[in-house]
N, C-alpha and C. Protein backbone atom coordinates (compact mmCIF):
# COMPACT_ATOMS: atom_id res chain seq x y z
N MET A 1 0.85 -1.20 0.00
CA MET A 1 0.00 0.00 0.00
C MET A 1 0.88 1.24 0.00
N LYS A 2 0.58 2.16 -0.88
CA LYS A 2 1.32 3.40 -0.96
C LYS A 2 0.93 4.30 0.21
N ASP A 3 1.88 5.15 0.59
CA ASP A 3 1.57 6.15 1.60
C ASP A 3 0.60 7.16 1.00
N ARG A 4 -0.25 7.69 1.82
CA ARG A 4 -1.22 8.68 1.37
C ARG A 4 -1.11 9.90 2.26
N TYR A 5 -1.14 11.05 1.63
CA TYR A 5 -1.17 12.29 2.40
C TYR A 5 -2.60 12.63 2.78
N LEU A 6 -3.49 12.50 1.81
CA LEU A 6 -4.90 12.80 2.03
C LEU A 6 -5.76 11.68 1.47
N ARG A 7 -6.86 11.40 2.10
CA ARG A 7 -7.78 10.37 1.62
C ARG A 7 -9.14 10.98 1.32
N ASN A 8 -9.75 10.46 0.28
CA ASN A 8 -11.13 10.82 -0.07
C ASN A 8 -11.35 12.31 -0.34
N VAL A 9 -10.35 12.97 -0.95
CA VAL A 9 -10.52 14.38 -1.26
C VAL A 9 -10.33 14.70 -2.75
N ALA A 10 -9.81 13.79 -3.53
CA ALA A 10 -9.55 14.06 -4.95
C ALA A 10 -10.85 14.36 -5.68
N THR A 11 -10.80 15.31 -6.58
CA THR A 11 -11.97 15.73 -7.35
C THR A 11 -12.15 14.91 -8.63
N LEU A 12 -11.37 13.88 -8.80
CA LEU A 12 -11.37 13.04 -9.99
C LEU A 12 -12.70 12.32 -10.20
N ARG A 13 -13.23 12.40 -11.43
CA ARG A 13 -14.47 11.70 -11.80
C ARG A 13 -14.30 11.09 -13.18
N LEU A 14 -14.85 9.89 -13.36
CA LEU A 14 -14.82 9.19 -14.65
C LEU A 14 -16.24 8.85 -15.04
N LEU A 15 -16.65 9.29 -16.23
CA LEU A 15 -17.98 8.98 -16.74
C LEU A 15 -17.91 7.72 -17.60
N ASP A 16 -18.32 6.60 -17.02
CA ASP A 16 -18.23 5.30 -17.68
C ASP A 16 -18.91 5.28 -19.04
N GLU A 17 -20.04 5.95 -19.16
CA GLU A 17 -20.81 5.90 -20.40
C GLU A 17 -20.09 6.58 -21.57
N LYS A 18 -19.18 7.49 -21.28
CA LYS A 18 -18.42 8.16 -22.35
C LYS A 18 -17.14 7.40 -22.72
N CYS A 19 -16.58 6.70 -21.77
CA CYS A 19 -15.28 6.04 -21.96
C CYS A 19 -15.39 4.90 -22.96
N PHE A 20 -14.44 4.86 -23.91
CA PHE A 20 -14.41 3.73 -24.85
C PHE A 20 -13.13 2.90 -24.69
N GLY A 21 -12.39 3.16 -23.61
CA GLY A 21 -11.26 2.31 -23.25
C GLY A 21 -9.97 2.52 -24.01
N CYS A 22 -9.71 3.74 -24.49
CA CYS A 22 -8.47 3.97 -25.25
C CYS A 22 -7.24 3.85 -24.36
N GLY A 23 -7.39 4.11 -23.07
CA GLY A 23 -6.28 3.97 -22.13
C GLY A 23 -5.31 5.12 -22.08
N ARG A 24 -5.64 6.20 -22.76
CA ARG A 24 -4.74 7.36 -22.77
C ARG A 24 -4.52 7.90 -21.36
N CYS A 25 -5.56 7.92 -20.55
CA CYS A 25 -5.44 8.41 -19.17
C CYS A 25 -4.45 7.57 -18.37
N ALA A 26 -4.50 6.27 -18.56
CA ALA A 26 -3.57 5.38 -17.86
C ALA A 26 -2.13 5.61 -18.31
N GLU A 27 -1.97 5.97 -19.57
CA GLU A 27 -0.62 6.23 -20.10
C GLU A 27 -0.01 7.50 -19.51
N VAL A 28 -0.81 8.53 -19.31
CA VAL A 28 -0.27 9.82 -18.90
C VAL A 28 -0.29 10.06 -17.39
N CYS A 29 -0.99 9.24 -16.65
CA CYS A 29 -1.12 9.44 -15.20
C CYS A 29 0.20 9.11 -14.51
N PRO A 30 0.81 10.09 -13.81
CA PRO A 30 2.08 9.83 -13.15
C PRO A 30 1.98 8.92 -11.93
N HIS A 31 0.78 8.73 -11.40
CA HIS A 31 0.61 7.91 -10.20
C HIS A 31 -0.18 6.63 -10.44
N ARG A 32 -0.39 6.30 -11.69
CA ARG A 32 -1.07 5.05 -12.06
C ARG A 32 -2.42 4.87 -11.36
N VAL A 33 -3.21 5.91 -11.46
CA VAL A 33 -4.54 5.93 -10.84
C VAL A 33 -5.53 5.06 -11.62
N PHE A 34 -5.30 4.91 -12.93
CA PHE A 34 -6.25 4.21 -13.81
C PHE A 34 -5.73 2.83 -14.21
N ILE A 35 -6.68 1.98 -14.56
CA ILE A 35 -6.36 0.66 -15.12
C ILE A 35 -7.35 0.39 -16.26
N VAL A 36 -6.89 -0.30 -17.28
CA VAL A 36 -7.76 -0.67 -18.39
C VAL A 36 -8.08 -2.16 -18.24
N GLU A 37 -9.37 -2.46 -18.15
CA GLU A 37 -9.84 -3.84 -18.02
C GLU A 37 -11.07 -4.03 -18.88
N ASP A 38 -11.09 -5.10 -19.62
CA ASP A 38 -12.25 -5.42 -20.46
C ASP A 38 -12.66 -4.26 -21.37
N LYS A 39 -11.66 -3.63 -21.98
CA LYS A 39 -11.88 -2.52 -22.91
C LYS A 39 -12.56 -1.31 -22.29
N LYS A 40 -12.38 -1.15 -20.98
CA LYS A 40 -12.89 0.01 -20.26
C LYS A 40 -11.84 0.46 -19.27
N VAL A 41 -11.84 1.73 -18.99
CA VAL A 41 -10.95 2.28 -17.98
C VAL A 41 -11.72 2.36 -16.67
N ARG A 42 -11.02 2.11 -15.59
CA ARG A 42 -11.62 2.33 -14.28
C ARG A 42 -10.58 2.96 -13.37
N ILE A 43 -11.05 3.64 -12.35
CA ILE A 43 -10.17 4.25 -11.38
C ILE A 43 -9.81 3.18 -10.36
N LYS A 44 -8.52 2.87 -10.26
CA LYS A 44 -8.10 1.84 -9.32
C LYS A 44 -7.54 2.42 -8.03
N ASP A 45 -7.12 3.69 -8.06
CA ASP A 45 -6.47 4.28 -6.88
C ASP A 45 -6.76 5.78 -6.81
N LYS A 46 -7.98 6.13 -6.51
CA LYS A 46 -8.39 7.54 -6.50
C LYS A 46 -7.57 8.36 -5.50
N ASP A 47 -7.22 7.76 -4.38
CA ASP A 47 -6.44 8.49 -3.39
C ASP A 47 -5.02 8.79 -3.88
N GLY A 48 -4.59 8.12 -4.94
CA GLY A 48 -3.28 8.40 -5.51
C GLY A 48 -3.29 9.60 -6.45
N CYS A 49 -4.46 10.12 -6.76
CA CYS A 49 -4.59 11.25 -7.68
C CYS A 49 -4.06 12.53 -7.03
N MET A 50 -3.14 13.20 -7.74
CA MET A 50 -2.61 14.47 -7.25
C MET A 50 -3.24 15.65 -7.96
N GLU A 51 -4.28 15.38 -8.73
CA GLU A 51 -5.07 16.41 -9.41
C GLU A 51 -4.22 17.25 -10.37
N CYS A 52 -3.32 16.60 -11.09
CA CYS A 52 -2.49 17.33 -12.06
C CYS A 52 -3.27 17.67 -13.32
N GLY A 53 -4.31 16.88 -13.66
CA GLY A 53 -5.16 17.17 -14.81
C GLY A 53 -4.72 16.54 -16.12
N ALA A 54 -3.61 15.79 -16.11
CA ALA A 54 -3.12 15.18 -17.35
C ALA A 54 -4.14 14.23 -17.96
N CYS A 55 -4.83 13.47 -17.15
CA CYS A 55 -5.81 12.51 -17.65
C CYS A 55 -6.94 13.21 -18.39
N ALA A 56 -7.50 14.24 -17.78
CA ALA A 56 -8.61 14.97 -18.39
C ALA A 56 -8.19 15.67 -19.68
N LYS A 57 -7.00 16.22 -19.69
CA LYS A 57 -6.53 16.93 -20.88
C LYS A 57 -6.26 15.99 -22.04
N ASN A 58 -5.99 14.73 -21.75
CA ASN A 58 -5.67 13.76 -22.80
C ASN A 58 -6.82 12.83 -23.15
N CYS A 59 -7.96 12.98 -22.52
CA CYS A 59 -9.11 12.13 -22.82
C CYS A 59 -9.82 12.66 -24.07
N PRO A 60 -9.87 11.85 -25.14
CA PRO A 60 -10.45 12.33 -26.39
C PRO A 60 -11.97 12.50 -26.36
N VAL A 61 -12.64 11.94 -25.36
CA VAL A 61 -14.10 12.04 -25.30
C VAL A 61 -14.59 12.77 -24.05
N ASN A 62 -13.67 13.43 -23.35
CA ASN A 62 -14.03 14.19 -22.14
C ASN A 62 -14.78 13.36 -21.11
N ALA A 63 -14.31 12.13 -20.91
CA ALA A 63 -14.95 11.25 -19.93
C ALA A 63 -14.40 11.47 -18.52
N ILE A 64 -13.36 12.28 -18.40
CA ILE A 64 -12.72 12.51 -17.11
C ILE A 64 -12.77 13.98 -16.75
N THR A 65 -13.11 14.23 -15.49
CA THR A 65 -13.04 15.59 -14.97
C THR A 65 -12.21 15.57 -13.69
N VAL A 66 -11.45 16.60 -13.51
CA VAL A 66 -10.68 16.79 -12.28
C VAL A 66 -10.37 18.28 -12.18
N LYS A 67 -10.49 18.81 -11.01
CA LYS A 67 -10.19 20.23 -10.80
C LYS A 67 -8.71 20.33 -10.49
N ALA A 68 -7.93 20.53 -11.53
CA ALA A 68 -6.48 20.57 -11.38
C ALA A 68 -6.03 21.76 -10.54
N GLY A 69 -5.11 21.48 -9.61
CA GLY A 69 -4.52 22.55 -8.81
C GLY A 69 -5.45 23.16 -7.79
N VAL A 70 -6.30 22.37 -7.16
CA VAL A 70 -7.22 22.91 -6.16
C VAL A 70 -6.90 22.34 -4.79
N GLY A 71 -7.34 23.05 -3.79
CA GLY A 71 -7.34 22.55 -2.43
C GLY A 71 -6.01 22.03 -1.91
N CYS A 72 -6.10 21.03 -1.07
CA CYS A 72 -4.93 20.49 -0.40
C CYS A 72 -3.98 19.80 -1.37
N ALA A 73 -4.48 19.21 -2.43
CA ALA A 73 -3.60 18.56 -3.40
C ALA A 73 -2.65 19.59 -3.99
N TYR A 74 -3.13 20.76 -4.29
CA TYR A 74 -2.29 21.84 -4.80
C TYR A 74 -1.23 22.21 -3.77
N ALA A 75 -1.62 22.27 -2.51
CA ALA A 75 -0.68 22.61 -1.45
C ALA A 75 0.43 21.57 -1.34
N VAL A 76 0.07 20.31 -1.46
CA VAL A 76 1.07 19.24 -1.39
C VAL A 76 2.05 19.36 -2.55
N ILE A 77 1.54 19.57 -3.76
CA ILE A 77 2.41 19.70 -4.94
C ILE A 77 3.34 20.89 -4.78
N MET A 78 2.81 22.02 -4.36
CA MET A 78 3.65 23.21 -4.20
C MET A 78 4.69 23.01 -3.11
N GLY A 79 4.34 22.29 -2.07
CA GLY A 79 5.30 21.96 -1.02
C GLY A 79 6.46 21.14 -1.57
N TRP A 80 6.13 20.14 -2.40
CA TRP A 80 7.17 19.32 -3.03
C TRP A 80 8.07 20.17 -3.92
N LEU A 81 7.46 21.03 -4.74
CA LEU A 81 8.21 21.83 -5.69
C LEU A 81 9.11 22.87 -5.03
N THR A 82 8.63 23.44 -3.94
CA THR A 82 9.38 24.51 -3.29
C THR A 82 10.19 24.03 -2.09
N GLY A 83 10.00 22.78 -1.70
CA GLY A 83 10.73 22.25 -0.54
C GLY A 83 10.21 22.79 0.78
N SER A 84 8.98 23.28 0.79
CA SER A 84 8.39 23.84 2.00
C SER A 84 7.29 22.93 2.53
N GLU A 85 6.78 23.26 3.69
CA GLU A 85 5.67 22.51 4.26
C GLU A 85 4.39 22.85 3.51
N PRO A 86 3.58 21.83 3.19
CA PRO A 86 2.30 22.11 2.53
C PRO A 86 1.41 22.96 3.40
N SER A 87 0.75 23.94 2.80
CA SER A 87 -0.19 24.78 3.52
C SER A 87 -1.46 24.89 2.70
N CYS A 88 -2.55 24.39 3.24
CA CYS A 88 -3.83 24.46 2.56
C CYS A 88 -4.48 25.82 2.73
N ASP A 89 -3.97 26.59 3.67
CA ASP A 89 -4.55 27.88 3.97
C ASP A 89 -6.02 27.74 4.36
N CYS A 90 -6.31 26.66 5.06
CA CYS A 90 -7.69 26.40 5.50
C CYS A 90 -8.04 27.31 6.67
N SER A 91 -9.28 27.71 6.70
CA SER A 91 -9.73 28.51 7.83
C SER A 91 -10.37 27.58 8.86
N GLY A 92 -10.58 28.06 10.02
CA GLY A 92 -11.24 27.27 11.05
C GLY A 92 -10.32 26.89 12.18
N GLY A 93 -9.04 27.15 12.06
CA GLY A 93 -8.13 26.93 13.16
C GLY A 93 -7.63 25.50 13.35
N GLY A 94 -8.32 24.52 12.79
CA GLY A 94 -7.88 23.15 12.97
C GLY A 94 -7.01 22.69 11.83
N GLU A 95 -6.45 21.50 11.99
CA GLU A 95 -5.66 20.94 10.91
C GLU A 95 -6.59 20.50 9.79
N CYS A 96 -6.27 20.90 8.58
CA CYS A 96 -7.13 20.51 7.47
C CYS A 96 -6.51 19.39 6.64
N CYS A 97 -5.23 19.20 6.76
CA CYS A 97 -4.56 18.19 5.97
C CYS A 97 -4.07 17.10 6.84
């Protein structure tokens, strides 16, 4: 099992009725979130999604939506890139991540 920073927060959605199983999303996903089975794509690891948006941008039938660069996932990515602690800038005083 891979380590997870956040669970159940990814905005990733796959519309099964639009997907024809080309597998492009699986090819471009840096975290191997998708799998192709029986000529259809399915999400195998939603918590692994870092919301980069590569899958949605490469889907020829717009079967995938993801809000790239939002929320805590964006904070995690920026933390990695800048070498700083992730900050979600959440209000409410409690830990959000």
